Amino acid sequence: SRGLGDVYKRQILVDVFSRFIVGWYIGFENPSYVAAIQALHLGMTDKNKFLQNKELNSESFEWPRPGLPEAILADRGELIGHQIEGLEKSFNIRIENTPPYRGDAKGIVERNFKTLQAEFKPYAPGIVTGVTVKKVGGRNYWLDGKLTLSEFTEIIESSIVMRNFVDPLSKYDKSSDMPADLPCLLYTSDAADE
C-alpha cells in the first residue's frame, strides 16, 4: 500500500518527426528500466483495444497501427546494460542514451511533459510550483494532492488523446506537401512513406 506523499511518475514515448505520443507509463515506479519497458510495451501495443477498456470515447478516432522504431533515445541509465541488448539485437533497434542531467538532449519529450501538464496544472491541488525546497515549518505540497492514480492516469491519457488527435501543433516547420499539423496525420503520413 502507498502512503501520503507518494508522487506519481510518468514516462512518455514520442515520435520525433510527428510529435505523436506513441506510448506512456504512469505509476509509482521511478524512472528505470522497468518503467521504460512498460512504456515501450504500450508503445508497441494496439491502443484501440487498450482504450476500449478505458472511459475514453475512442469511437471518434482510430489509433495508428503500432510498429517498431528505428532508434530509441532514452535517459541515461533507463535503457542501458545487458537487459536491453535483446531488443537491440532481435529487432535491429538502435538504443541511444543521453548524457546525465541533459534534458536539453531530448527537448521534444521534455516539451511534451510541459504541454501535457499545462492543461490541468492550474486546477489540480498539490501541484509543484516554484522552488521545491521546503522551508522549516513550511507547507508540504505533497499533502495537498487529491488525485488518485486512476484519476491522474485518466487526465494524462485524455491529454495525450487531445494532443495526438485534436490540437494542431502550433510550432511545426512543415513542407507544403505535408498533411495538417495534427500529430496523428503526420505520424501516419510518415509511416506510409516508409
Protein backbone atom coordinates (compact mmCIF):
# COMPACT_ATOMS: atom_id res chain seq x y z
CA SER A 1 0.00 0.00 0.00
CA ARG A 2 1.06 3.55 -0.62
CA GLY A 3 1.01 6.35 1.91
CA LEU A 4 0.71 10.10 1.85
CA GLY A 5 3.42 11.82 -0.07
CA ASP A 6 3.75 9.30 -2.89
CA VAL A 7 4.29 11.07 -6.18
CA TYR A 8 3.04 9.66 -9.47
CA LYS A 9 5.73 9.14 -12.08
CA ARG A 10 5.21 9.20 -15.83
CA GLN A 11 7.24 8.44 -18.89
CA ILE A 12 6.23 9.10 -22.47
CA LEU A 13 7.44 7.88 -25.85
CA VAL A 14 7.29 10.49 -28.59
CA ASP A 15 7.80 10.07 -32.32
CA VAL A 16 10.34 12.81 -33.10
CA PHE A 17 9.09 13.55 -36.64
CA SER A 18 5.38 13.93 -35.88
CA ARG A 19 5.43 14.70 -32.12
CA PHE A 20 2.87 11.87 -31.81
CA ILE A 21 2.85 10.29 -28.32
CA VAL A 22 3.06 6.56 -29.03
CA GLY A 23 3.37 5.14 -25.52
CA TRP A 24 3.44 6.05 -21.85
CA TYR A 25 3.83 4.75 -18.32
CA ILE A 26 2.04 6.22 -15.31
CA GLY A 27 2.59 4.79 -11.84
CA PHE A 28 4.81 4.82 -8.78
CA GLU A 29 7.95 3.39 -10.39
CA ASN A 30 10.86 5.84 -10.53
CA PRO A 31 12.48 6.32 -13.94
CA SER A 32 14.09 2.93 -14.52
CA TYR A 33 14.36 0.01 -16.90
CA VAL A 34 11.06 -1.40 -15.55
CA ALA A 35 9.10 1.81 -16.21
CA ALA A 36 10.74 2.30 -19.63
CA ILE A 37 9.88 -1.25 -20.72
CA GLN A 38 6.25 -0.74 -19.64
CA ALA A 39 6.09 2.44 -21.74
CA LEU A 40 7.73 0.63 -24.68
CA HIS A 41 5.26 -2.25 -24.35
CA LEU A 42 2.32 0.13 -24.55
CA GLY A 43 4.00 1.95 -27.43
CA MET A 44 4.10 -1.29 -29.41
CA THR A 45 0.58 -2.40 -28.44
CA ASP A 46 -2.71 -1.76 -30.26
CA LYS A 47 -4.13 1.15 -28.28
CA ASN A 48 -7.57 0.92 -29.88
CA LYS A 49 -8.21 -2.21 -27.80
CA PHE A 50 -6.41 -0.70 -24.81
CA LEU A 51 -8.60 2.44 -24.88
CA GLN A 52 -11.83 0.44 -25.18
CA ASN A 53 -11.24 -0.68 -21.58
CA LYS A 54 -10.92 2.95 -20.51
CA GLU A 55 -13.63 5.56 -20.18
CA LEU A 56 -12.20 7.49 -23.14
CA ASN A 57 -14.51 7.79 -26.13
CA SER A 58 -12.29 6.18 -28.76
CA GLU A 59 -15.03 5.86 -31.39
CA SER A 60 -14.24 9.28 -32.87
CA PHE A 61 -10.61 8.43 -33.70
CA GLU A 62 -8.54 5.41 -34.58
CA TRP A 63 -5.08 4.97 -33.16
CA PRO A 64 -2.47 4.22 -35.84
CA ARG A 65 -1.10 0.70 -36.08
CA PRO A 66 1.87 0.25 -33.74
CA GLY A 67 5.29 -0.57 -35.09
CA LEU A 68 8.93 -0.76 -34.16
CA PRO A 69 11.11 2.35 -34.13
CA GLU A 70 14.45 2.59 -35.88
CA ALA A 71 16.02 4.13 -32.80
CA ILE A 72 15.14 4.95 -29.19
CA LEU A 73 16.64 7.91 -27.37
CA ALA A 74 16.46 7.30 -23.63
CA ASP A 75 17.55 8.95 -20.41
CA ARG A 76 20.89 7.75 -19.18
CA GLY A 77 20.52 4.55 -17.22
CA GLU A 78 16.94 3.58 -18.12
CA LEU A 79 17.83 1.58 -21.21
CA ILE A 80 21.47 0.82 -20.65
CA GLY A 81 23.03 -2.55 -19.92
CA HIS A 82 22.55 -6.18 -20.86
CA GLN A 83 18.76 -6.21 -20.35
CA ILE A 84 18.04 -4.08 -23.40
CA GLU A 85 20.56 -5.82 -25.68
CA GLY A 86 17.93 -8.42 -26.65
CA LEU A 87 15.67 -5.72 -28.07
CA GLU A 88 18.59 -4.18 -29.94
CA LYS A 89 19.77 -7.45 -31.49
CA SER A 90 16.42 -9.18 -32.08
CA PHE A 91 14.64 -6.25 -33.70
CA ASN A 92 17.60 -4.23 -35.01
CA ILE A 93 16.66 -1.15 -32.96
CA ARG A 94 19.38 1.36 -32.15
CA ILE A 95 19.39 2.45 -28.49
CA GLU A 96 20.88 5.86 -27.73
CA ASN A 97 21.30 7.27 -24.24
CA THR A 98 21.55 10.93 -23.31
CA PRO A 99 24.30 12.19 -21.03
CA PRO A 100 23.36 12.63 -17.36
CA TYR A 101 21.44 15.79 -16.40
CA ARG A 102 20.93 16.87 -20.02
CA GLY A 103 17.20 17.35 -20.51
CA ASP A 104 18.04 19.56 -23.49
CA ALA A 105 19.28 16.46 -25.34
CA LYS A 106 15.67 15.28 -25.58
CA GLY A 107 13.84 18.57 -25.81
CA ILE A 108 10.82 17.19 -27.71
CA VAL A 109 9.94 14.82 -24.86
CA GLU A 110 10.56 17.45 -22.19
CA ARG A 111 8.34 19.91 -24.07
CA ASN A 112 5.58 17.29 -24.24
CA PHE A 113 5.70 16.86 -20.45
CA LYS A 114 5.24 20.60 -20.05
CA THR A 115 2.42 20.75 -22.63
CA LEU A 116 0.52 17.81 -21.11
CA GLN A 117 0.71 19.30 -17.63
CA ALA A 118 -0.20 22.84 -18.69
CA GLU A 119 -3.81 21.86 -19.40
CA PHE A 120 -4.66 20.59 -15.92
CA LYS A 121 -1.99 22.07 -13.67
CA PRO A 122 -3.98 25.19 -12.61
CA TYR A 123 -6.89 23.00 -11.45
CA ALA A 124 -5.14 20.20 -9.58
CA PRO A 125 -4.26 20.60 -5.90
CA GLY A 126 -0.79 19.59 -4.79
CA ILE A 127 0.98 20.63 -7.98
CA VAL A 128 4.60 21.67 -7.53
CA THR A 129 5.19 25.32 -8.35
CA GLY A 130 8.29 27.41 -7.82
CA VAL A 131 11.07 26.24 -5.53
CA THR A 132 10.60 22.68 -4.29
CA VAL A 133 12.81 23.04 -1.21
CA LYS A 134 10.55 23.19 1.83
CA LYS A 135 11.39 25.80 4.42
CA VAL A 136 11.36 24.70 8.05
CA GLY A 137 7.73 24.74 9.13
CA GLY A 138 6.59 25.38 5.53
CA ARG A 139 3.66 23.67 3.80
CA ASN A 140 4.37 20.29 2.21
CA TYR A 141 2.70 20.34 -1.22
CA TRP A 142 2.53 16.52 -1.25
CA LEU A 143 -0.12 16.69 1.46
CA ASP A 144 -2.30 18.87 -0.80
CA GLY A 145 -2.52 16.22 -3.54
CA LYS A 146 -6.05 14.89 -4.00
CA LEU A 147 -5.91 12.87 -7.24
CA THR A 148 -5.81 9.10 -7.10
CA LEU A 149 -3.56 7.25 -9.51
CA SER A 150 -6.53 6.28 -11.67
CA GLU A 151 -7.77 9.90 -11.79
CA PHE A 152 -4.29 11.16 -12.66
CA THR A 153 -3.93 8.46 -15.33
CA GLU A 154 -7.29 9.40 -16.85
CA ILE A 155 -6.25 13.06 -17.04
CA ILE A 156 -2.90 12.27 -18.67
CA GLU A 157 -4.41 9.79 -21.14
CA SER A 158 -7.15 12.26 -22.08
CA SER A 159 -4.49 14.92 -22.60
CA ILE A 160 -2.50 12.53 -24.80
CA VAL A 161 -5.58 11.85 -26.95
CA MET A 162 -6.26 15.59 -27.27
CA ARG A 163 -2.63 16.27 -28.13
CA ASN A 164 -2.45 13.49 -30.74
CA PHE A 165 -5.85 13.81 -32.43
CA VAL A 166 -7.39 17.25 -31.77
CA ASP A 167 -4.87 20.00 -31.02
CA PRO A 168 -2.80 21.13 -34.02
CA LEU A 169 0.88 21.76 -33.47
CA SER A 170 1.39 25.49 -33.07
CA LYS A 171 5.08 25.49 -33.97
CA TYR A 172 5.98 22.91 -36.58
CA ASP A 173 8.05 23.67 -39.64
CA LYS A 174 6.45 21.53 -42.34
CA SER A 175 6.70 21.48 -46.09
CA SER A 176 3.70 22.31 -48.30
CA ASP A 177 3.08 18.68 -49.31
CA MET A 178 2.66 17.51 -45.71
CA PRO A 179 -0.78 16.99 -44.12
CA ALA A 180 -2.35 19.20 -41.46
CA ASP A 181 -0.44 19.95 -38.29
CA LEU A 182 -2.09 17.17 -36.27
CA PRO A 183 0.43 14.71 -34.83
CA CYS A 184 -1.73 11.71 -35.85
CA LEU A 185 -1.79 12.81 -39.51
CA LEU A 186 1.94 13.50 -39.56
CA TYR A 187 2.62 10.15 -37.88
CA THR A 188 0.50 8.14 -40.33
CA SER A 189 1.88 10.01 -43.37
CA ASP A 190 5.45 9.31 -42.20
CA ALA A 191 4.63 5.61 -41.71
CA ALA A 192 3.04 5.45 -45.19
CA ASP A 193 6.18 6.95 -46.75
CA GLU A 194 8.38 4.13 -45.43
